[in-house]
Amino acid sequence: MESDVIEHLVGIEHKATTLLDDATKEAQHRIAIAKSTAEKQYKEKYEKIIEKLEKEYTVKTSLLTDKHTENIKMYKKAIQNFNMDKKGFQNLLDKLILEA
């Protein structure tokens, strides 16, 4: 009788251990699936953000390049129409160098 009770308790303990192991495996499996899904979602969102930022960068860079080119053209046009006083400049240099 006592041995039957002990056998029964050992059987219950074995079932509990098996149940716990199965639950642990299932939890690990679910965690792995959730982690994989989360990483996939993160990668998709990250790539969308990177794509958006790269497009914005390209557009802004293009606009700045165009603006810079236009400013350089305007500057060159402005200095082409400017008369230089070479004699006055030479006199200024002579005065500054000789007085120093």
PDB file of N, CA and C in Angstrom:
ATOM      1  N   MET A   1       0.808  -1.182   0.000  1.00  0.00           N
ATOM      2  CA  MET A   1       0.000   0.000   0.000  1.00  0.00           C
ATOM      3  C   MET A   1       0.868   1.269   0.000  1.00  0.00           C
ATOM      4  N   GLU A   2       1.842   1.320   0.905  1.00  0.00           N
ATOM      5  CA  GLU A   2       2.733   2.452   0.949  1.00  0.00           C
ATOM      6  C   GLU A   2       3.502   2.594  -0.361  1.00  0.00           C
ATOM      7  N   SER A   3       3.920   1.470  -0.925  1.00  0.00           N
ATOM      8  CA  SER A   3       4.660   1.507  -2.175  1.00  0.00           C
ATOM      9  C   SER A   3       3.771   2.000  -3.309  1.00  0.00           C
ATOM     10  N   ASP A   4       2.469   1.691  -3.264  1.00  0.00           N
ATOM     11  CA  ASP A   4       1.533   2.190  -4.276  1.00  0.00           C
ATOM     12  C   ASP A   4       1.414   3.713  -4.190  1.00  0.00           C
ATOM     13  N   VAL A   5       1.363   4.236  -2.985  1.00  0.00           N
ATOM     14  CA  VAL A   5       1.254   5.679  -2.783  1.00  0.00           C
ATOM     15  C   VAL A   5       2.530   6.371  -3.279  1.00  0.00           C
ATOM     16  N   ILE A   6       3.680   5.783  -2.934  1.00  0.00           N
ATOM     17  CA  ILE A   6       4.955   6.356  -3.378  1.00  0.00           C
ATOM     18  C   ILE A   6       5.044   6.295  -4.895  1.00  0.00           C
ATOM     19  N   GLU A   7       4.651   5.158  -5.493  1.00  0.00           N
ATOM     20  CA  GLU A   7       4.651   5.036  -6.947  1.00  0.00           C
ATOM     21  C   GLU A   7       3.725   6.058  -7.587  1.00  0.00           C
ATOM     22  N   HIS A   8       2.586   6.240  -6.987  1.00  0.00           N
ATOM     23  CA  HIS A   8       1.616   7.223  -7.494  1.00  0.00           C
ATOM     24  C   HIS A   8       2.214   8.640  -7.422  1.00  0.00           C
ATOM     25  N   LEU A   9       2.847   8.981  -6.300  1.00  0.00           N
ATOM     26  CA  LEU A   9       3.456  10.306  -6.154  1.00  0.00           C
ATOM     27  C   LEU A   9       4.616  10.508  -7.135  1.00  0.00           C
ATOM     28  N   VAL A  10       5.409   9.468  -7.355  1.00  0.00           N
ATOM     29  CA  VAL A  10       6.512   9.543  -8.318  1.00  0.00           C
ATOM     30  C   VAL A  10       5.938   9.748  -9.719  1.00  0.00           C
ATOM     31  N   GLY A  11       4.851   9.054 -10.016  1.00  0.00           N
ATOM     32  CA  GLY A  11       4.185   9.215 -11.321  1.00  0.00           C
ATOM     33  C   GLY A  11       3.673  10.636 -11.501  1.00  0.00           C
ATOM     34  N   ILE A  12       3.073  11.187 -10.462  1.00  0.00           N
ATOM     35  CA  ILE A  12       2.575  12.572 -10.521  1.00  0.00           C
ATOM     36  C   ILE A  12       3.745  13.541 -10.701  1.00  0.00           C
ATOM     37  N   GLU A  13       4.840  13.291  -9.951  1.00  0.00           N
ATOM     38  CA  GLU A  13       6.010  14.163 -10.079  1.00  0.00           C
ATOM     39  C   GLU A  13       6.578  14.084 -11.499  1.00  0.00           C
ATOM     40  N   HIS A  14       6.606  12.888 -12.073  1.00  0.00           N
ATOM     41  CA  HIS A  14       7.096  12.722 -13.437  1.00  0.00           C
ATOM     42  C   HIS A  14       6.202  13.484 -14.420  1.00  0.00           C
ATOM     43  N   LYS A  15       4.899  13.380 -14.250  1.00  0.00           N
ATOM     44  CA  LYS A  15       3.957  14.101 -15.117  1.00  0.00           C
ATOM     45  C   LYS A  15       4.145  15.614 -14.973  1.00  0.00           C
ATOM     46  N   ALA A  16       4.339  16.068 -13.734  1.00  0.00           N
ATOM     47  CA  ALA A  16       4.535  17.501 -13.481  1.00  0.00           C
ATOM     48  C   ALA A  16       5.821  17.981 -14.152  1.00  0.00           C
ATOM     49  N   THR A  17       6.882  17.177 -14.050  1.00  0.00           N
ATOM     50  CA  THR A  17       8.148  17.531 -14.688  1.00  0.00           C
ATOM     51  C   THR A  17       7.981  17.583 -16.202  1.00  0.00           C
ATOM     52  N   THR A  18       7.299  16.610 -16.759  1.00  0.00           N
ATOM     53  CA  THR A  18       7.058  16.578 -18.201  1.00  0.00           C
ATOM     54  C   THR A  18       6.225  17.782 -18.626  1.00  0.00           C
ATOM     55  N   LEU A  19       5.195  18.075 -17.841  1.00  0.00           N
ATOM     56  CA  LEU A  19       4.330  19.226 -18.141  1.00  0.00           C
ATOM     57  C   LEU A  19       5.135  20.536 -18.083  1.00  0.00           C
ATOM     58  N   LEU A  20       5.988  20.663 -17.074  1.00  0.00           N
ATOM     59  CA  LEU A  20       6.822  21.852 -16.934  1.00  0.00           C
ATOM     60  C   LEU A  20       7.810  21.970 -18.098  1.00  0.00           C
ATOM     61  N   ASP A  21       8.423  20.861 -18.483  1.00  0.00           N
ATOM     62  CA  ASP A  21       9.344  20.878 -19.626  1.00  0.00           C
ATOM     63  C   ASP A  21       8.627  21.263 -20.911  1.00  0.00           C
ATOM     64  N   ASP A  22       7.442  20.702 -21.112  1.00  0.00           N
ATOM     65  CA  ASP A  22       6.651  21.044 -22.310  1.00  0.00           C
ATOM     66  C   ASP A  22       6.267  22.528 -22.315  1.00  0.00           C
ATOM     67  N   ALA A  23       5.882  23.028 -21.157  1.00  0.00           N
ATOM     68  CA  ALA A  23       5.505  24.441 -21.051  1.00  0.00           C
ATOM     69  C   ALA A  23       6.714  25.346 -21.314  1.00  0.00           C
ATOM     70  N   THR A  24       7.872  24.960 -20.809  1.00  0.00           N
ATOM     71  CA  THR A  24       9.097  25.721 -21.032  1.00  0.00           C
ATOM     72  C   THR A  24       9.453  25.738 -22.521  1.00  0.00           C
ATOM     73  N   LYS A  25       9.363  24.570 -23.162  1.00  0.00           N
ATOM     74  CA  LYS A  25       9.653  24.494 -24.599  1.00  0.00           C
ATOM     75  C   LYS A  25       8.671  25.348 -25.393  1.00  0.00           C
ATOM     76  N   GLU A  26       7.401  25.274 -25.034  1.00  0.00           N
ATOM     77  CA  GLU A  26       6.381  26.067 -25.736  1.00  0.00           C
ATOM     78  C   GLU A  26       6.628  27.566 -25.533  1.00  0.00           C
ATOM     79  N   ALA A  27       6.990  27.949 -24.321  1.00  0.00           N
ATOM     80  CA  ALA A  27       7.276  29.366 -24.045  1.00  0.00           C
ATOM     81  C   ALA A  27       8.487  29.828 -24.853  1.00  0.00           C
ATOM     82  N   GLN A  28       9.524  29.013 -24.903  1.00  0.00           N
ATOM     83  CA  GLN A  28      10.706  29.365 -25.683  1.00  0.00           C
ATOM     84  C   GLN A  28      10.370  29.470 -27.175  1.00  0.00           C
ATOM     85  N   HIS A  29       9.536  28.574 -27.642  1.00  0.00           N
ATOM     86  CA  HIS A  29       9.109  28.603 -29.038  1.00  0.00           C
ATOM     87  C   HIS A  29       8.324  29.885 -29.342  1.00  0.00           C
ATOM     88  N   ARG A  30       7.401  30.230 -28.470  1.00  0.00           N
ATOM     89  CA  ARG A  30       6.599  31.447 -28.668  1.00  0.00           C
ATOM     90  C   ARG A  30       7.470  32.702 -28.591  1.00  0.00           C
ATOM     91  N   ILE A  31       8.419  32.697 -27.663  1.00  0.00           N
ATOM     92  CA  ILE A  31       9.334  33.837 -27.536  1.00  0.00           C
ATOM     93  C   ILE A  31      10.170  33.979 -28.807  1.00  0.00           C
ATOM     94  N   ALA A  32      10.636  32.855 -29.338  1.00  0.00           N
ATOM     95  CA  ALA A  32      11.443  32.892 -30.566  1.00  0.00           C
ATOM     96  C   ALA A  32      10.622  33.440 -31.732  1.00  0.00           C
ATOM     97  N   ILE A  33       9.369  33.010 -31.841  1.00  0.00           N
ATOM     98  CA  ILE A  33       8.498  33.507 -32.908  1.00  0.00           C
ATOM     99  C   ILE A  33       8.238  35.002 -32.725  1.00  0.00           C
ATOM    100  N   ALA A  34       7.937  35.414 -31.496  1.00  0.00           N
ATOM    101  CA  ALA A  34       7.675  36.833 -31.220  1.00  0.00           C
ATOM    102  C   ALA A  34       8.917  37.674 -31.507  1.00  0.00           C
ATOM    103  N   LYS A  35      10.079  37.173 -31.138  1.00  0.00           N
ATOM    104  CA  LYS A  35      11.325  37.901 -31.386  1.00  0.00           C
ATOM    105  C   LYS A  35      11.569  38.029 -32.883  1.00  0.00           C
ATOM    106  N   SER A  36      11.368  36.952 -33.595  1.00  0.00           N
ATOM    107  CA  SER A  36      11.559  36.970 -35.048  1.00  0.00           C
ATOM    108  C   SER A  36      10.597  37.953 -35.715  1.00  0.00           C
ATOM    109  N   THR A  37       9.351  37.938 -35.291  1.00  0.00           N
ATOM    110  CA  THR A  37       8.342  38.857 -35.839  1.00  0.00           C
ATOM    111  C   THR A  37       8.705  40.302 -35.520  1.00  0.00           C
ATOM    112  N   ALA A  38       9.104  40.556 -34.283  1.00  0.00           N
ATOM    113  CA  ALA A  38       9.475  41.917 -33.878  1.00  0.00           C
ATOM    114  C   ALA A  38      10.686  42.414 -34.666  1.00  0.00           C
ATOM    115  N   GLU A  39      11.682  41.556 -34.855  1.00  0.00           N
ATOM    116  CA  GLU A  39      12.862  41.946 -35.623  1.00  0.00           C
ATOM    117  C   GLU A  39      12.501  42.235 -37.083  1.00  0.00           C
ATOM    118  N   LYS A  40      11.611  41.435 -37.639  1.00  0.00           N
ATOM    119  CA  LYS A  40      11.170  41.642 -39.022  1.00  0.00           C
ATOM    120  C   LYS A  40      10.436  42.982 -39.145  1.00  0.00           C
ATOM    121  N   GLN A  41       9.530  43.256 -38.208  1.00  0.00           N
ATOM    122  CA  GLN A  41       8.795  44.525 -38.220  1.00  0.00           C
ATOM    123  C   GLN A  41       9.752  45.703 -38.045  1.00  0.00           C
ATOM    124  N   TYR A  42      10.707  45.563 -37.134  1.00  0.00           N
ATOM    125  CA  TYR A  42      11.691  46.621 -36.905  1.00  0.00           C
ATOM    126  C   TYR A  42      12.481  46.889 -38.177  1.00  0.00           C
ATOM    127  N   LYS A  43      12.936  45.830 -38.839  1.00  0.00           N
ATOM    128  CA  LYS A  43      13.728  45.981 -40.055  1.00  0.00           C
ATOM    129  C   LYS A  43      12.916  46.667 -41.151  1.00  0.00           C
ATOM    130  N   GLU A  44      11.649  46.282 -41.302  1.00  0.00           N
ATOM    131  CA  GLU A  44      10.792  46.895 -42.322  1.00  0.00           C
ATOM    132  C   GLU A  44      10.605  48.393 -42.046  1.00  0.00           C
ATOM    133  N   LYS A  45      10.298  48.736 -40.799  1.00  0.00           N
ATOM    134  CA  LYS A  45      10.106  50.147 -40.445  1.00  0.00           C
ATOM    135  C   LYS A  45      11.403  50.928 -40.586  1.00  0.00           C
ATOM    136  N   TYR A  46      12.511  50.334 -40.176  1.00  0.00           N
ATOM    137  CA  TYR A  46      13.815  50.975 -40.279  1.00  0.00           C
ATOM    138  C   TYR A  46      14.141  51.272 -41.742  1.00  0.00           C
ATOM    139  N   GLU A  47      13.914  50.283 -42.612  1.00  0.00           N
ATOM    140  CA  GLU A  47      14.204  50.470 -44.033  1.00  0.00           C
ATOM    141  C   GLU A  47      13.311  51.545 -44.651  1.00  0.00           C
ATOM    142  N   LYS A  48      12.044  51.614 -44.230  1.00  0.00           N
ATOM    143  CA  LYS A  48      11.150  52.666 -44.733  1.00  0.00           C
ATOM    144  C   LYS A  48      11.645  54.047 -44.305  1.00  0.00           C
ATOM    145  N   ILE A  49      12.063  54.159 -43.053  1.00  0.00           N
ATOM    146  CA  ILE A  49      12.561  55.444 -42.554  1.00  0.00           C
ATOM    147  C   ILE A  49      13.833  55.835 -43.306  1.00  0.00           C
ATOM    148  N   ILE A  50      14.746  54.881 -43.484  1.00  0.00           N
ATOM    149  CA  ILE A  50      15.996  55.157 -44.201  1.00  0.00           C
ATOM    150  C   ILE A  50      15.695  55.585 -45.628  1.00  0.00           C
ATOM    151  N   GLU A  51      14.767  54.896 -46.283  1.00  0.00           N
ATOM    152  CA  GLU A  51      14.395  55.245 -47.658  1.00  0.00           C
ATOM    153  C   GLU A  51      13.840  56.669 -47.726  1.00  0.00           C
ATOM    154  N   LYS A  52      12.962  57.005 -46.772  1.00  0.00           N
ATOM    155  CA  LYS A  52      12.374  58.344 -46.728  1.00  0.00           C
ATOM    156  C   LYS A  52      13.454  59.410 -46.508  1.00  0.00           C
ATOM    157  N   LEU A  53      14.349  59.157 -45.554  1.00  0.00           N
ATOM    158  CA  LEU A  53      15.410  60.122 -45.262  1.00  0.00           C
ATOM    159  C   LEU A  53      16.371  60.285 -46.440  1.00  0.00           C
ATOM    160  N   GLU A  54      16.663  59.188 -47.127  1.00  0.00           N
ATOM    161  CA  GLU A  54      17.547  59.278 -48.290  1.00  0.00           C
ATOM    162  C   GLU A  54      16.903  60.100 -49.407  1.00  0.00           C
ATOM    163  N   LYS A  55      15.597  59.921 -49.606  1.00  0.00           N
ATOM    164  CA  LYS A  55      14.895  60.713 -50.622  1.00  0.00           C
ATOM    165  C   LYS A  55      14.917  62.198 -50.244  1.00  0.00           C
ATOM    166  N   GLU A  56      14.628  62.497 -48.977  1.00  0.00           N
ATOM    167  CA  GLU A  56      14.648  63.886 -48.515  1.00  0.00           C
ATOM    168  C   GLU A  56      16.047  64.486 -48.685  1.00  0.00           C
ATOM    169  N   TYR A  57      17.068  63.703 -48.366  1.00  0.00           N
ATOM    170  CA  TYR A  57      18.446  64.167 -48.501  1.00  0.00           C
ATOM    171  C   TYR A  57      18.750  64.482 -49.966  1.00  0.00           C
ATOM    172  N   THR A  58      18.337  63.599 -50.854  1.00  0.00           N
ATOM    173  CA  THR A  58      18.590  63.803 -52.282  1.00  0.00           C
ATOM    174  C   THR A  58      17.906  65.071 -52.778  1.00  0.00           C
ATOM    175  N   VAL A  59      16.647  65.262 -52.376  1.00  0.00           N
ATOM    176  CA  VAL A  59      15.903  66.446 -52.811  1.00  0.00           C
ATOM    177  C   VAL A  59      16.556  67.717 -52.254  1.00  0.00           C
ATOM    178  N   LYS A  60      16.856  67.733 -50.958  1.00  0.00           N
ATOM    179  CA  LYS A  60      17.446  68.919 -50.337  1.00  0.00           C
ATOM    180  C   LYS A  60      18.825  69.215 -50.914  1.00  0.00           C
ATOM    181  N   THR A  61      19.614  68.173 -51.136  1.00  0.00           N
ATOM    182  CA  THR A  61      20.939  68.366 -51.719  1.00  0.00           C
ATOM    183  C   THR A  61      20.830  68.957 -53.113  1.00  0.00           C
ATOM    184  N   SER A  62      19.889  68.443 -53.885  1.00  0.00           N
ATOM    185  CA  SER A  62      19.679  68.956 -55.240  1.00  0.00           C
ATOM    186  C   SER A  62      19.265  70.429 -55.208  1.00  0.00           C
ATOM    187  N   LEU A  63      18.348  70.760 -54.313  1.00  0.00           N
ATOM    188  CA  LEU A  63      17.912  72.155 -54.191  1.00  0.00           C
ATOM    189  C   LEU A  63      19.065  73.071 -53.781  1.00  0.00           C
ATOM    190  N   LEU A  64      19.871  72.625 -52.825  1.00  0.00           N
ATOM    191  CA  LEU A  64      21.003  73.434 -52.383  1.00  0.00           C
ATOM    192  C   LEU A  64      22.052  73.584 -53.487  1.00  0.00           C
ATOM    193  N   THR A  65      22.275  72.522 -54.237  1.00  0.00           N
ATOM    194  CA  THR A  65      23.224  72.592 -55.350  1.00  0.00           C
ATOM    195  C   THR A  65      22.741  73.579 -56.400  1.00  0.00           C
ATOM    196  N   ASP A  66      21.453  73.509 -56.712  1.00  0.00           N
ATOM    197  CA  ASP A  66      20.884  74.444 -57.686  1.00  0.00           C
ATOM    198  C   ASP A  66      20.998  75.883 -57.190  1.00  0.00           C
ATOM    199  N   LYS A  67      20.688  76.096 -55.911  1.00  0.00           N
ATOM    200  CA  LYS A  67      20.762  77.433 -55.335  1.00  0.00           C
ATOM    201  C   LYS A  67      22.212  77.939 -55.349  1.00  0.00           C
ATOM    202  N   HIS A  68      23.136  77.071 -54.987  1.00  0.00           N
ATOM    203  CA  HIS A  68      24.545  77.435 -54.978  1.00  0.00           C
ATOM    204  C   HIS A  68      25.016  77.805 -56.389  1.00  0.00           C
ATOM    205  N   THR A  69      24.642  77.003 -57.372  1.00  0.00           N
ATOM    206  CA  THR A  69      25.014  77.277 -58.760  1.00  0.00           C
ATOM    207  C   THR A  69      24.460  78.619 -59.208  1.00  0.00           C
ATOM    208  N   GLU A  70      23.219  78.894 -58.861  1.00  0.00           N
ATOM    209  CA  GLU A  70      22.588  80.169 -59.232  1.00  0.00           C
ATOM    210  C   GLU A  70      23.301  81.342 -58.556  1.00  0.00           C
ATOM    211  N   ASN A  71      23.643  81.185 -57.276  1.00  0.00           N
ATOM    212  CA  ASN A  71      24.366  82.248 -56.556  1.00  0.00           C
ATOM    213  C   ASN A  71      25.730  82.518 -57.188  1.00  0.00           C
ATOM    214  N   ILE A  72      26.426  81.472 -57.579  1.00  0.00           N
ATOM    215  CA  ILE A  72      27.734  81.640 -58.225  1.00  0.00           C
ATOM    216  C   ILE A  72      27.573  82.368 -59.559  1.00  0.00           C
ATOM    217  N   LYS A  73      26.546  81.992 -60.330  1.00  0.00           N
ATOM    218  CA  LYS A  73      26.292  82.680 -61.610  1.00  0.00           C
ATOM    219  C   LYS A  73      26.015  84.164 -61.379  1.00  0.00           C
ATOM    220  N   MET A  74      25.177  84.460 -60.384  1.00  0.00           N
ATOM    221  CA  MET A  74      24.848  85.849 -60.083  1.00  0.00           C
ATOM    222  C   MET A  74      26.094  86.613 -59.645  1.00  0.00           C
ATOM    223  N   TYR A  75      26.943  85.994 -58.841  1.00  0.00           N
ATOM    224  CA  TYR A  75      28.176  86.632 -58.368  1.00  0.00           C
ATOM    225  C   TYR A  75      29.107  86.914 -59.549  1.00  0.00           C
ATOM    226  N   LYS A  76      29.287  85.921 -60.415  1.00  0.00           N
ATOM    227  CA  LYS A  76      30.162  86.108 -61.572  1.00  0.00           C
ATOM    228  C   LYS A  76      29.642  87.225 -62.473  1.00  0.00           C
ATOM    229  N   LYS A  77      28.327  87.265 -62.650  1.00  0.00           N
ATOM    230  CA  LYS A  77      27.724  88.314 -63.477  1.00  0.00           C
ATOM    231  C   LYS A  77      27.955  89.688 -62.838  1.00  0.00           C
ATOM    232  N   ALA A  78      27.827  89.748 -61.518  1.00  0.00           N
ATOM    233  CA  ALA A  78      28.005  91.018 -60.808  1.00  0.00           C
ATOM    234  C   ALA A  78      29.445  91.508 -60.905  1.00  0.00           C
ATOM    235  N   ILE A  79      30.401  90.607 -60.790  1.00  0.00           N
ATOM    236  CA  ILE A  79      31.799  91.064 -60.831  1.00  0.00           C
ATOM    237  C   ILE A  79      32.267  91.327 -62.261  1.00  0.00           C
ATOM    238  N   GLN A  80      31.610  90.748 -63.245  1.00  0.00           N
ATOM    239  CA  GLN A  80      31.965  91.046 -64.632  1.00  0.00           C
ATOM    240  C   GLN A  80      31.630  92.493 -64.975  1.00  0.00           C
ATOM    241  N   ASN A  81      30.548  92.987 -64.428  1.00  0.00           N
ATOM    242  CA  ASN A  81      30.094  94.345 -64.710  1.00  0.00           C
ATOM    243  C   ASN A  81      30.773  95.393 -63.832  1.00  0.00           C
ATOM    244  N   PHE A  82      31.648  94.955 -62.983  1.00  0.00           N
ATOM    245  CA  PHE A  82      32.306  95.870 -62.052  1.00  0.00           C
ATOM    246  C   PHE A  82      33.598  96.387 -62.683  1.00  0.00           C
ATOM    247  N   ASN A  83      33.771  97.713 -62.705  1.00  0.00           N
ATOM    248  CA  ASN A  83      34.991  98.306 -63.250  1.00  0.00           C
ATOM    249  C   ASN A  83      36.082  98.303 -62.193  1.00  0.00           C
ATOM    250  N   MET A  84      37.269  97.857 -62.599  1.00  0.00           N
ATOM    251  CA  MET A  84      38.384  97.821 -61.666  1.00  0.00           C
ATOM    252  C   MET A  84      39.240  99.073 -61.839  1.00  0.00           C
ATOM    253  N   ASP A  85      39.633  99.615 -60.726  1.00  0.00           N
ATOM    254  CA  ASP A  85      40.525 100.773 -60.711  1.00  0.00           C
ATOM    255  C   ASP A  85      41.927 100.255 -60.389  1.00  0.00           C
ATOM    256  N   LYS A  86      42.617  99.772 -61.419  1.00  0.00           N
ATOM    257  CA  LYS A  86      43.932  99.170 -61.212  1.00  0.00           C
ATOM    258  C   LYS A  86      44.941 100.187 -60.691  1.00  0.00           C
ATOM    259  N   LYS A  87      44.898 101.391 -61.207  1.00  0.00           N
ATOM    260  CA  LYS A  87      45.840 102.420 -60.777  1.00  0.00           C
ATOM    261  C   LYS A  87      45.601 102.794 -59.314  1.00  0.00           C
ATOM    262  N   GLY A  88      44.343 102.936 -58.933  1.00  0.00           N
ATOM    263  CA  GLY A  88      44.003 103.260 -57.554  1.00  0.00           C
ATOM    264  C   GLY A  88      44.395 102.144 -56.608  1.00  0.00           C
ATOM    265  N   PHE A  89      44.212 100.907 -57.027  1.00  0.00           N
ATOM    266  CA  PHE A  89      44.585  99.749 -56.217  1.00  0.00           C
ATOM    267  C   PHE A  89      46.094  99.709 -56.028  1.00  0.00           C
ATOM    268  N   GLN A  90      46.839  99.944 -57.093  1.00  0.00           N
ATOM    269  CA  GLN A  90      48.297  99.950 -57.010  1.00  0.00           C
ATOM    270  C   GLN A  90      48.775 101.060 -56.078  1.00  0.00           C
ATOM    271  N   ASN A  91      48.160 102.231 -56.160  1.00  0.00           N
ATOM    272  CA  ASN A  91      48.515 103.340 -55.262  1.00  0.00           C
ATOM    273  C   ASN A  91      48.239 102.978 -53.809  1.00  0.00           C
ATOM    274  N   LEU A  92      47.117 102.309 -53.562  1.00  0.00           N
ATOM    275  CA  LEU A  92      46.774 101.875 -52.200  1.00  0.00           C
ATOM    276  C   LEU A  92      47.802 100.881 -51.690  1.00  0.00           C
ATOM    277  N   LEU A  93      48.183  99.911 -52.509  1.00  0.00           N
ATOM    278  CA  LEU A  93      49.187  98.937 -52.090  1.00  0.00           C
ATOM    279  C   LEU A  93      50.521  99.618 -51.793  1.00  0.00           C
ATOM    280  N   ASP A  94      50.931 100.518 -52.667  1.00  0.00           N
ATOM    281  CA  ASP A  94      52.183 101.237 -52.433  1.00  0.00           C
ATOM    282  C   ASP A  94      52.136 101.990 -51.115  1.00  0.00           C
ATOM    283  N   LYS A  95      51.026 102.658 -50.867  1.00  0.00           N
ATOM    284  CA  LYS A  95      50.877 103.448 -49.639  1.00  0.00           C
ATOM    285  C   LYS A  95      50.933 102.536 -48.404  1.00  0.00           C
ATOM    286  N   LEU A  96      50.211 101.408 -48.455  1.00  0.00           N
ATOM    287  CA  LEU A  96      50.182 100.493 -47.311  1.00  0.00           C
ATOM    288  C   LEU A  96      51.536  99.838 -47.079  1.00  0.00           C
ATOM    289  N   ILE A  97      52.210  99.471 -48.138  1.00  0.00           N
ATOM    290  CA  ILE A  97      53.491  98.766 -47.989  1.00  0.00           C
ATOM    291  C   ILE A  97      54.584  99.742 -47.555  1.00  0.00           C
ATOM    292  N   LEU A  98      54.589 100.902 -48.147  1.00  0.00           N
ATOM    293  CA  LEU A  98      55.650 101.862 -47.833  1.00  0.00           C
ATOM    294  C   LEU A  98      55.493 102.447 -46.432  1.00  0.00           C
ATOM    295  N   GLU A  99      54.268 102.555 -45.954  1.00  0.00           N
ATOM    296  CA  GLU A  99      54.044 103.138 -44.622  1.00  0.00           C
ATOM    297  C   GLU A  99      54.238 102.111 -43.508  1.00  0.00           C
ATOM    298  N   ALA A 100      54.247 100.857 -43.827  1.00  0.00           N
ATOM    299  CA  ALA A 100      54.335  99.805 -42.818  1.00  0.00           C
ATOM    300  C   ALA A 100      55.692  99.668 -42.209  1.00  0.00           C
TER     301      ALA A 100
END
